[in-house]
Amino acid sequence: VELHIEQGPLLEQSGTNLGLVTAIAAPATVRVEFFVGHAGALLMPFRRDAGLAAAELALAVEKAALSTGVNDTVATAGMVQILPGAVNSVPREALLEIDVRDIDEPRRDRVVQEIIGAAQEIGSRRQTEFSVEVLNSDPPATCSGEILDAAEASAKQIGASYTRMVSRAYHDSLFMARVAPTAMIFIPCRGGVSHRPDEYSAPEDLERGVQALALTMARLAGHAQCH
């Protein structure tokens, strides 16, 4: 059982004390590279611009994620490199790394294939060479119903409000779920911010989370009356 800040704003916005995680989304990472043999001071009709191909693909990533109609599908073109990187040079090379996440693996993989298809179409239409590589594709995890029931009983015992929710961030529990029953307990964090100097959770939220974790572990160990 893993205790963690939510890394999102939902608990804080709703005034809910605890989040009981039912599933952990897993990412697939895709690397796409567009490149051209020559990119000099060409007139617009004759240009082959790897940077514009990358820009089109970034928009296609957004479209592919939204096309599922499900909030659990997210996709991000979070890394884009353009070369040679000079203000007066037509980009000859563009590299994108794209993160696609979902709690439904087949749905996530369909989005990945849609993005790959878009890269192929854009590269062909813009007459740029391109390469596509899937760097990783981890399976999502479903959390243990038994652990969630124990966590829910523990939340009630300490008088904490709670909701069942999905985690869209990478966590150790994603991998532990492959070898053992797993679940997570979230506490609110200010503004949904994490991995920054201004990450913050209130002391009372930290204390409540530790209490819920301890009681959950006690229940799972057969000590339901633990105080």
Foldseek 3Di string as FASTA:
>chain_A
DAEEAQLAAPCVVVVALKEWEFKEKDKWKKKKKWFDPDWAQDDPVPGLARVVLVVVLQVQLVVLQCVVVDPQKDKGQDDKDFPPPDPRIRTGMMMTMMIIIGLDQVSSVVSVVSSVVSSVVSCVVSVIDMDMDTPDRAHMAGADPLLSVQLVLQCVVVVGGYYYDHGHDDDPQRVVRVPDHDIYMHGHWPNSDDPDPRTDDDPVSVVSSVSSVVSSVCVVVPNNVDD
